[in-house]
Every structure is written in structure tokens, then in C-alpha cells.
Amino acid sequence: MGYKKAEEILPLEVIELVQQYIQGQNIYIPQRKEKRRAWGSENGTKDKFAKRNAEIYAEYYNGSKTAELAEKYYLSEKSIWRIIRDSKQ
């Protein structure tokens, strides 16, 4: 994310209004709620973790031990138990 000069994109009236609250500092203006995307939806991360978690649950269901799964997937046993618990629901 790069910086843009307010003078290049905002009307003078808006700049003057913002200057009543803050001057010479950087501020972040978030996207509107309707424009926001869900976490991981754009780069496939959410799907990747869902697939991994389904594999972990399937392996556990087929007899793998939580310690084995933790070592295989580089997670703590506590994380494995959380994935198993959440996958049952």
C-alpha cells in the first residue's frame, strides 16, 4: 500500500475538515464494510488451511495419533486437538 497526497485525490473542503483533527500525520482510511473481503479469500489461504484441516481430521479418524499429526504438520498437539474438535462440528 502506497501513500497518496491528499491534494491529489480529495477536495479542498475535505482536507480542511480533516486538518481540524489532524495535521501532518499519516492516517489510515479503511475500506467500506461492503468492499471488504473475507480473510484469505483473495490468495487462497483460507482454502489451503481448510484442506489441511480436513486431512488432519481424516488421518485422526483413521487412527493416527495426535503427536504424529503434530509432528507431520509442524503444529502443537493443542492445535491438532482444536482442529479435530472444530472439524467434528
PDB file of N, CA and C in Angstrom:
ATOM      1  N   MET A   1       0.852  -1.165   0.000  1.00  0.00           N
ATOM      2  CA  MET A   1       0.000   0.000   0.000  1.00  0.00           C
ATOM      3  C   MET A   1       0.893   1.220   0.000  1.00  0.00           C
ATOM      4  N   GLY A   2       0.686   2.095  -0.948  1.00  0.00           N
ATOM      5  CA  GLY A   2       1.480   3.309  -1.037  1.00  0.00           C
ATOM      6  C   GLY A   2       0.727   4.511  -0.513  1.00  0.00           C
ATOM      7  N   TYR A   3       1.450   5.568  -0.346  1.00  0.00           N
ATOM      8  CA  TYR A   3       0.850   6.811   0.122  1.00  0.00           C
ATOM      9  C   TYR A   3       0.402   7.649  -1.064  1.00  0.00           C
ATOM     10  N   LYS A   4      -0.661   8.374  -0.870  1.00  0.00           N
ATOM     11  CA  LYS A   4      -1.155   9.302  -1.885  1.00  0.00           C
ATOM     12  C   LYS A   4      -1.296  10.663  -1.240  1.00  0.00           C
ATOM     13  N   LYS A   5      -1.011  11.700  -1.998  1.00  0.00           N
ATOM     14  CA  LYS A   5      -1.164  13.054  -1.482  1.00  0.00           C
ATOM     15  C   LYS A   5      -2.642  13.412  -1.446  1.00  0.00           C
ATOM     16  N   ALA A   6      -3.072  13.926  -0.309  1.00  0.00           N
ATOM     17  CA  ALA A   6      -4.485  14.284  -0.150  1.00  0.00           C
ATOM     18  C   ALA A   6      -4.912  15.291  -1.209  1.00  0.00           C
ATOM     19  N   GLU A   7      -4.022  16.228  -1.552  1.00  0.00           N
ATOM     20  CA  GLU A   7      -4.355  17.265  -2.530  1.00  0.00           C
ATOM     21  C   GLU A   7      -4.689  16.687  -3.902  1.00  0.00           C
ATOM     22  N   GLU A   8      -4.164  15.497  -4.188  1.00  0.00           N
ATOM     23  CA  GLU A   8      -4.373  14.883  -5.494  1.00  0.00           C
ATOM     24  C   GLU A   8      -5.693  14.120  -5.588  1.00  0.00           C
ATOM     25  N   ILE A   9      -6.284  13.765  -4.432  1.00  0.00           N
ATOM     26  CA  ILE A   9      -7.486  12.926  -4.503  1.00  0.00           C
ATOM     27  C   ILE A   9      -8.686  13.467  -3.737  1.00  0.00           C
ATOM     28  N   LEU A  10      -8.478  14.420  -2.828  1.00  0.00           N
ATOM     29  CA  LEU A  10      -9.595  14.932  -2.028  1.00  0.00           C
ATOM     30  C   LEU A  10      -9.894  16.384  -2.350  1.00  0.00           C
ATOM     31  N   PRO A  11     -11.159  16.761  -2.258  1.00  0.00           N
ATOM     32  CA  PRO A  11     -11.496  18.179  -2.434  1.00  0.00           C
ATOM     33  C   PRO A  11     -10.915  19.009  -1.284  1.00  0.00           C
ATOM     34  N   LEU A  12     -10.631  20.278  -1.543  1.00  0.00           N
ATOM     35  CA  LEU A  12     -10.052  21.172  -0.549  1.00  0.00           C
ATOM     36  C   LEU A  12     -10.890  21.235   0.714  1.00  0.00           C
ATOM     37  N   GLU A  13     -12.214  21.214   0.581  1.00  0.00           N
ATOM     38  CA  GLU A  13     -13.088  21.283   1.755  1.00  0.00           C
ATOM     39  C   GLU A  13     -12.882  20.083   2.677  1.00  0.00           C
ATOM     40  N   VAL A  14     -12.692  18.919   2.100  1.00  0.00           N
ATOM     41  CA  VAL A  14     -12.476  17.711   2.901  1.00  0.00           C
ATOM     42  C   VAL A  14     -11.126  17.790   3.606  1.00  0.00           C
ATOM     43  N   ILE A  15     -10.110  18.243   2.900  1.00  0.00           N
ATOM     44  CA  ILE A  15      -8.780  18.384   3.501  1.00  0.00           C
ATOM     45  C   ILE A  15      -8.831  19.340   4.686  1.00  0.00           C
ATOM     46  N   GLU A  16      -9.491  20.465   4.510  1.00  0.00           N
ATOM     47  CA  GLU A  16      -9.588  21.442   5.598  1.00  0.00           C
ATOM     48  C   GLU A  16     -10.354  20.877   6.784  1.00  0.00           C
ATOM     49  N   LEU A  17     -11.365  20.081   6.528  1.00  0.00           N
ATOM     50  CA  LEU A  17     -12.118  19.457   7.607  1.00  0.00           C
ATOM     51  C   LEU A  17     -11.239  18.463   8.375  1.00  0.00           C
ATOM     52  N   VAL A  18     -10.489  17.643   7.658  1.00  0.00           N
ATOM     53  CA  VAL A  18      -9.594  16.673   8.296  1.00  0.00           C
ATOM     54  C   VAL A  18      -8.511  17.402   9.088  1.00  0.00           C
ATOM     55  N   GLN A  19      -8.019  18.528   8.573  1.00  0.00           N
ATOM     56  CA  GLN A  19      -6.979  19.288   9.259  1.00  0.00           C
ATOM     57  C   GLN A  19      -7.443  19.829  10.608  1.00  0.00           C
ATOM     58  N   GLN A  20      -8.741  19.919  10.825  1.00  0.00           N
ATOM     59  CA  GLN A  20      -9.240  20.342  12.133  1.00  0.00           C
ATOM     60  C   GLN A  20      -8.926  19.281  13.194  1.00  0.00           C
ATOM     61  N   TYR A  21      -8.729  18.038  12.774  1.00  0.00           N
ATOM     62  CA  TYR A  21      -8.498  16.938  13.701  1.00  0.00           C
ATOM     63  C   TYR A  21      -7.050  16.456  13.706  1.00  0.00           C
ATOM     64  N   ILE A  22      -6.394  16.527  12.574  1.00  0.00           N
ATOM     65  CA  ILE A  22      -5.032  16.001  12.468  1.00  0.00           C
ATOM     66  C   ILE A  22      -4.300  16.756  11.364  1.00  0.00           C
ATOM     67  N   GLN A  23      -3.018  17.037  11.603  1.00  0.00           N
ATOM     68  CA  GLN A  23      -2.216  17.747  10.599  1.00  0.00           C
ATOM     69  C   GLN A  23      -0.830  17.127  10.521  1.00  0.00           C
ATOM     70  N   GLY A  24      -0.373  16.913   9.311  1.00  0.00           N
ATOM     71  CA  GLY A  24       0.995  16.460   9.089  1.00  0.00           C
ATOM     72  C   GLY A  24       1.293  15.049   9.555  1.00  0.00           C
ATOM     73  N   GLN A  25       0.280  14.248   9.785  1.00  0.00           N
ATOM     74  CA  GLN A  25       0.492  12.863  10.208  1.00  0.00           C
ATOM     75  C   GLN A  25      -0.189  11.926   9.220  1.00  0.00           C
ATOM     76  N   ASN A  26       0.273  10.694   9.205  1.00  0.00           N
ATOM     77  CA  ASN A  26      -0.340   9.692   8.336  1.00  0.00           C
ATOM     78  C   ASN A  26      -1.568   9.121   9.034  1.00  0.00           C
ATOM     79  N   ILE A  27      -2.618   8.905   8.269  1.00  0.00           N
ATOM     80  CA  ILE A  27      -3.804   8.242   8.797  1.00  0.00           C
ATOM     81  C   ILE A  27      -4.202   7.133   7.839  1.00  0.00           C
ATOM     82  N   TYR A  28      -4.859   6.132   8.387  1.00  0.00           N
ATOM     83  CA  TYR A  28      -5.345   5.016   7.582  1.00  0.00           C
ATOM     84  C   TYR A  28      -6.848   5.166   7.434  1.00  0.00           C
ATOM     85  N   ILE A  29      -7.334   5.082   6.229  1.00  0.00           N
ATOM     86  CA  ILE A  29      -8.764   5.144   5.965  1.00  0.00           C
ATOM     87  C   ILE A  29      -9.183   3.766   5.468  1.00  0.00           C
ATOM     88  N   PRO A  30      -9.935   3.025   6.288  1.00  0.00           N
ATOM     89  CA  PRO A  30     -10.294   1.656   5.914  1.00  0.00           C
ATOM     90  C   PRO A  30     -11.320   1.614   4.786  1.00  0.00           C
ATOM     91  N   GLN A  31     -11.404   0.459   4.162  1.00  0.00           N
ATOM     92  CA  GLN A  31     -12.415   0.253   3.132  1.00  0.00           C
ATOM     93  C   GLN A  31     -13.793   0.192   3.776  1.00  0.00           C
ATOM     94  N   ARG A  32     -14.802   0.461   2.987  1.00  0.00           N
ATOM     95  CA  ARG A  32     -16.168   0.295   3.452  1.00  0.00           C
ATOM     96  C   ARG A  32     -16.421  -1.180   3.730  1.00  0.00           C
ATOM     97  N   LYS A  33     -17.305  -1.456   4.658  1.00  0.00           N
ATOM     98  CA  LYS A  33     -17.589  -2.847   5.026  1.00  0.00           C
ATOM     99  C   LYS A  33     -18.035  -3.679   3.834  1.00  0.00           C
ATOM    100  N   GLU A  34     -18.839  -3.110   2.965  1.00  0.00           N
ATOM    101  CA  GLU A  34     -19.329  -3.888   1.825  1.00  0.00           C
ATOM    102  C   GLU A  34     -18.238  -4.198   0.803  1.00  0.00           C
ATOM    103  N   LYS A  35     -17.109  -3.504   0.870  1.00  0.00           N
ATOM    104  CA  LYS A  35     -15.994  -3.746  -0.050  1.00  0.00           C
ATOM    105  C   LYS A  35     -14.971  -4.721   0.519  1.00  0.00           C
ATOM    106  N   ARG A  36     -15.039  -5.005   1.816  1.00  0.00           N
ATOM    107  CA  ARG A  36     -14.052  -5.875   2.459  1.00  0.00           C
ATOM    108  C   ARG A  36     -14.237  -7.310   2.016  1.00  0.00           C
ATOM    109  N   ARG A  37     -13.116  -7.994   1.890  1.00  0.00           N
ATOM    110  CA  ARG A  37     -13.130  -9.406   1.542  1.00  0.00           C
ATOM    111  C   ARG A  37     -12.802 -10.217   2.789  1.00  0.00           C
ATOM    112  N   ALA A  38     -13.290 -11.412   2.830  1.00  0.00           N
ATOM    113  CA  ALA A  38     -13.017 -12.287   3.968  1.00  0.00           C
ATOM    114  C   ALA A  38     -11.539 -12.643   4.002  1.00  0.00           C
ATOM    115  N   TRP A  39     -11.038 -12.904   5.204  1.00  0.00           N
ATOM    116  CA  TRP A  39      -9.639 -13.266   5.371  1.00  0.00           C
ATOM    117  C   TRP A  39      -9.298 -14.483   4.516  1.00  0.00           C
ATOM    118  N   GLY A  40      -8.206 -14.377   3.771  1.00  0.00           N
ATOM    119  CA  GLY A  40      -7.699 -15.490   2.986  1.00  0.00           C
ATOM    120  C   GLY A  40      -8.463 -15.803   1.720  1.00  0.00           C
ATOM    121  N   SER A  41      -9.497 -15.056   1.427  1.00  0.00           N
ATOM    122  CA  SER A  41     -10.313 -15.383   0.252  1.00  0.00           C
ATOM    123  C   SER A  41      -9.627 -14.991  -1.052  1.00  0.00           C
ATOM    124  N   GLU A  42      -8.798 -13.978  -1.011  1.00  0.00           N
ATOM    125  CA  GLU A  42      -8.175 -13.497  -2.242  1.00  0.00           C
ATOM    126  C   GLU A  42      -6.974 -14.330  -2.666  1.00  0.00           C
ATOM    127  N   ASN A  43      -6.185 -14.789  -1.695  1.00  0.00           N
ATOM    128  CA  ASN A  43      -4.955 -15.502  -2.047  1.00  0.00           C
ATOM    129  C   ASN A  43      -5.034 -17.010  -1.827  1.00  0.00           C
ATOM    130  N   GLY A  44      -6.202 -17.524  -1.434  1.00  0.00           N
ATOM    131  CA  GLY A  44      -6.381 -18.964  -1.288  1.00  0.00           C
ATOM    132  C   GLY A  44      -5.935 -19.544   0.034  1.00  0.00           C
ATOM    133  N   THR A  45      -5.496 -18.715   0.951  1.00  0.00           N
ATOM    134  CA  THR A  45      -5.009 -19.202   2.241  1.00  0.00           C
ATOM    135  C   THR A  45      -6.102 -19.923   3.013  1.00  0.00           C
ATOM    136  N   LYS A  46      -7.293 -19.376   3.017  1.00  0.00           N
ATOM    137  CA  LYS A  46      -8.402 -19.984   3.754  1.00  0.00           C
ATOM    138  C   LYS A  46      -8.678 -21.393   3.229  1.00  0.00           C
ATOM    139  N   ASP A  47      -8.712 -21.553   1.925  1.00  0.00           N
ATOM    140  CA  ASP A  47      -8.958 -22.866   1.326  1.00  0.00           C
ATOM    141  C   ASP A  47      -7.823 -23.836   1.632  1.00  0.00           C
ATOM    142  N   LYS A  48      -6.602 -23.337   1.622  1.00  0.00           N
ATOM    143  CA  LYS A  48      -5.431 -24.171   1.915  1.00  0.00           C
ATOM    144  C   LYS A  48      -5.517 -24.742   3.329  1.00  0.00           C
ATOM    145  N   PHE A  49      -5.869 -23.876   4.304  1.00  0.00           N
ATOM    146  CA  PHE A  49      -5.978 -24.340   5.679  1.00  0.00           C
ATOM    147  C   PHE A  49      -7.171 -25.275   5.868  1.00  0.00           C
ATOM    148  N   ALA A  50      -8.259 -25.014   5.172  1.00  0.00           N
ATOM    149  CA  ALA A  50      -9.427 -25.886   5.268  1.00  0.00           C
ATOM    150  C   ALA A  50      -9.088 -27.287   4.757  1.00  0.00           C
ATOM    151  N   LYS A  51      -8.341 -27.350   3.655  1.00  0.00           N
ATOM    152  CA  LYS A  51      -7.933 -28.644   3.096  1.00  0.00           C
ATOM    153  C   LYS A  51      -7.002 -29.368   4.065  1.00  0.00           C
ATOM    154  N   ARG A  52      -6.030 -28.637   4.616  1.00  0.00           N
ATOM    155  CA  ARG A  52      -5.087 -29.231   5.568  1.00  0.00           C
ATOM    156  C   ARG A  52      -5.836 -29.761   6.785  1.00  0.00           C
ATOM    157  N   ASN A  53      -6.770 -28.969   7.310  1.00  0.00           N
ATOM    158  CA  ASN A  53      -7.512 -29.387   8.494  1.00  0.00           C
ATOM    159  C   ASN A  53      -8.376 -30.614   8.218  1.00  0.00           C
ATOM    160  N   ALA A  54      -8.947 -30.697   7.026  1.00  0.00           N
ATOM    161  CA  ALA A  54      -9.731 -31.875   6.648  1.00  0.00           C
ATOM    162  C   ALA A  54      -8.839 -33.112   6.580  1.00  0.00           C
ATOM    163  N   GLU A  55      -7.622 -32.948   6.074  1.00  0.00           N
ATOM    164  CA  GLU A  55      -6.664 -34.058   6.024  1.00  0.00           C
ATOM    165  C   GLU A  55      -6.300 -34.510   7.433  1.00  0.00           C
ATOM    166  N   ILE A  56      -6.062 -33.550   8.325  1.00  0.00           N
ATOM    167  CA  ILE A  56      -5.713 -33.879   9.712  1.00  0.00           C
ATOM    168  C   ILE A  56      -6.850 -34.657  10.366  1.00  0.00           C
ATOM    169  N   TYR A  57      -8.074 -34.187  10.187  1.00  0.00           N
ATOM    170  CA  TYR A  57      -9.219 -34.866  10.784  1.00  0.00           C
ATOM    171  C   TYR A  57      -9.373 -36.280  10.221  1.00  0.00           C
ATOM    172  N   ALA A  58      -9.225 -36.417   8.913  1.00  0.00           N
ATOM    173  CA  ALA A  58      -9.359 -37.734   8.285  1.00  0.00           C
ATOM    174  C   ALA A  58      -8.287 -38.697   8.800  1.00  0.00           C
ATOM    175  N   GLU A  59      -7.053 -38.206   8.918  1.00  0.00           N
ATOM    176  CA  GLU A  59      -5.978 -39.059   9.418  1.00  0.00           C
ATOM    177  C   GLU A  59      -6.221 -39.451  10.873  1.00  0.00           C
ATOM    178  N   TYR A  60      -6.712 -38.525  11.684  1.00  0.00           N
ATOM    179  CA  TYR A  60      -7.024 -38.821  13.082  1.00  0.00           C
ATOM    180  C   TYR A  60      -8.148 -39.854  13.153  1.00  0.00           C
ATOM    181  N   TYR A  61      -9.169 -39.657  12.352  1.00  0.00           N
ATOM    182  CA  TYR A  61     -10.317 -40.566  12.319  1.00  0.00           C
ATOM    183  C   TYR A  61      -9.885 -41.978  11.900  1.00  0.00           C
ATOM    184  N   ASN A  62      -8.854 -42.054  11.051  1.00  0.00           N
ATOM    185  CA  ASN A  62      -8.353 -43.351  10.573  1.00  0.00           C
ATOM    186  C   ASN A  62      -7.267 -43.934  11.463  1.00  0.00           C
ATOM    187  N   GLY A  63      -7.065 -43.328  12.661  1.00  0.00           N
ATOM    188  CA  GLY A  63      -6.181 -43.964  13.641  1.00  0.00           C
ATOM    189  C   GLY A  63      -4.858 -43.278  13.929  1.00  0.00           C
ATOM    190  N   SER A  64      -4.532 -42.214  13.254  1.00  0.00           N
ATOM    191  CA  SER A  64      -3.264 -41.520  13.552  1.00  0.00           C
ATOM    192  C   SER A  64      -3.338 -40.861  14.922  1.00  0.00           C
ATOM    193  N   LYS A  65      -2.229 -40.856  15.622  1.00  0.00           N
ATOM    194  CA  LYS A  65      -2.134 -40.231  16.941  1.00  0.00           C
ATOM    195  C   LYS A  65      -1.903 -38.729  16.782  1.00  0.00           C
ATOM    196  N   THR A  66      -2.381 -37.974  17.777  1.00  0.00           N
ATOM    197  CA  THR A  66      -2.229 -36.523  17.716  1.00  0.00           C
ATOM    198  C   THR A  66      -0.764 -36.108  17.705  1.00  0.00           C
ATOM    199  N   ALA A  67       0.091 -36.830  18.415  1.00  0.00           N
ATOM    200  CA  ALA A  67       1.523 -36.499  18.436  1.00  0.00           C
ATOM    201  C   ALA A  67       2.124 -36.672  17.042  1.00  0.00           C
ATOM    202  N   GLU A  68       1.726 -37.728  16.344  1.00  0.00           N
ATOM    203  CA  GLU A  68       2.209 -37.963  14.976  1.00  0.00           C
ATOM    204  C   GLU A  68       1.760 -36.838  14.045  1.00  0.00           C
ATOM    205  N   LEU A  69       0.489 -36.462  14.170  1.00  0.00           N
ATOM    206  CA  LEU A  69      -0.049 -35.406  13.317  1.00  0.00           C
ATOM    207  C   LEU A  69       0.630 -34.066  13.601  1.00  0.00           C
ATOM    208  N   ALA A  70       0.891 -33.795  14.867  1.00  0.00           N
ATOM    209  CA  ALA A  70       1.562 -32.548  15.237  1.00  0.00           C
ATOM    210  C   ALA A  70       2.945 -32.479  14.604  1.00  0.00           C
ATOM    211  N   GLU A  71       3.650 -33.586  14.638  1.00  0.00           N
ATOM    212  CA  GLU A  71       4.995 -33.616  14.040  1.00  0.00           C
ATOM    213  C   GLU A  71       4.922 -33.496  12.514  1.00  0.00           C
ATOM    214  N   LYS A  72       3.991 -34.201  11.912  1.00  0.00           N
ATOM    215  CA  LYS A  72       3.870 -34.196  10.451  1.00  0.00           C
ATOM    216  C   LYS A  72       3.505 -32.813   9.909  1.00  0.00           C
ATOM    217  N   TYR A  73       2.590 -32.108  10.598  1.00  0.00           N
ATOM    218  CA  TYR A  73       2.094 -30.820  10.106  1.00  0.00           C
ATOM    219  C   TYR A  73       2.751 -29.614  10.788  1.00  0.00           C
ATOM    220  N   TYR A  74       3.763 -29.881  11.622  1.00  0.00           N
ATOM    221  CA  TYR A  74       4.504 -28.810  12.308  1.00  0.00           C
ATOM    222  C   TYR A  74       3.574 -27.928  13.145  1.00  0.00           C
ATOM    223  N   LEU A  75       2.691 -28.603  13.904  1.00  0.00           N
ATOM    224  CA  LEU A  75       1.763 -27.905  14.790  1.00  0.00           C
ATOM    225  C   LEU A  75       1.899 -28.482  16.193  1.00  0.00           C
ATOM    226  N   SER A  76       1.374 -27.775  17.171  1.00  0.00           N
ATOM    227  CA  SER A  76       1.349 -28.311  18.529  1.00  0.00           C
ATOM    228  C   SER A  76       0.194 -29.307  18.636  1.00  0.00           C
ATOM    229  N   GLU A  77       0.285 -30.195  19.633  1.00  0.00           N
ATOM    230  CA  GLU A  77      -0.818 -31.129  19.840  1.00  0.00           C
ATOM    231  C   GLU A  77      -2.096 -30.382  20.198  1.00  0.00           C
ATOM    232  N   LYS A  78      -1.953 -29.281  20.895  1.00  0.00           N
ATOM    233  CA  LYS A  78      -3.118 -28.476  21.247  1.00  0.00           C
ATOM    234  C   LYS A  78      -3.816 -27.976  19.979  1.00  0.00           C
ATOM    235  N   SER A  79      -3.035 -27.556  18.988  1.00  0.00           N
ATOM    236  CA  SER A  79      -3.617 -27.111  17.714  1.00  0.00           C
ATOM    237  C   SER A  79      -4.306 -28.263  16.989  1.00  0.00           C
ATOM    238  N   ILE A  80      -3.702 -29.433  17.044  1.00  0.00           N
ATOM    239  CA  ILE A  80      -4.304 -30.610  16.416  1.00  0.00           C
ATOM    240  C   ILE A  80      -5.645 -30.920  17.076  1.00  0.00           C
ATOM    241  N   TRP A  81      -5.685 -30.890  18.416  1.00  0.00           N
ATOM    242  CA  TRP A  81      -6.938 -31.139  19.127  1.00  0.00           C
ATOM    243  C   TRP A  81      -7.999 -30.099  18.763  1.00  0.00           C
ATOM    244  N   ARG A  82      -7.595 -28.841  18.605  1.00  0.00           N
ATOM    245  CA  ARG A  82      -8.544 -27.789  18.219  1.00  0.00           C
ATOM    246  C   ARG A  82      -9.108 -28.062  16.832  1.00  0.00           C
ATOM    247  N   ILE A  83      -8.251 -28.457  15.911  1.00  0.00           N
ATOM    248  CA  ILE A  83      -8.696 -28.764  14.541  1.00  0.00           C
ATOM    249  C   ILE A  83      -9.666 -29.922  14.544  1.00  0.00           C
ATOM    250  N   ILE A  84      -9.354 -30.949  15.319  1.00  0.00           N
ATOM    251  CA  ILE A  84     -10.235 -32.128  15.418  1.00  0.00           C
ATOM    252  C   ILE A  84     -11.584 -31.720  15.999  1.00  0.00           C
ATOM    253  N   ARG A  85     -11.539 -30.961  17.082  1.00  0.00           N
ATOM    254  CA  ARG A  85     -12.786 -30.518  17.726  1.00  0.00           C
ATOM    255  C   ARG A  85     -13.640 -29.687  16.761  1.00  0.00           C
ATOM    256  N   ASP A  86     -13.007 -28.741  16.070  1.00  0.00           N
ATOM    257  CA  ASP A  86     -13.747 -27.876  15.153  1.00  0.00           C
ATOM    258  C   ASP A  86     -14.254 -28.632  13.928  1.00  0.00           C
ATOM    259  N   SER A  87     -13.549 -29.675  13.527  1.00  0.00           N
ATOM    260  CA  SER A  87     -13.965 -30.446  12.350  1.00  0.00           C
ATOM    261  C   SER A  87     -15.167 -31.326  12.637  1.00  0.00           C
ATOM    262  N   LYS A  88     -15.359 -31.712  13.886  1.00  0.00           N
ATOM    263  CA  LYS A  88     -16.498 -32.552  14.260  1.00  0.00           C
ATOM    264  C   LYS A  88     -17.811 -31.801  14.125  1.00  0.00           C
ATOM    265  N   GLN A  89     -17.758 -30.498  14.245  1.00  0.00           N
ATOM    266  CA  GLN A  89     -18.983 -29.699  14.254  1.00  0.00           C
ATOM    267  C   GLN A  89     -19.522 -29.443  12.879  1.00  0.00           C
TER     268      GLN A  89
END
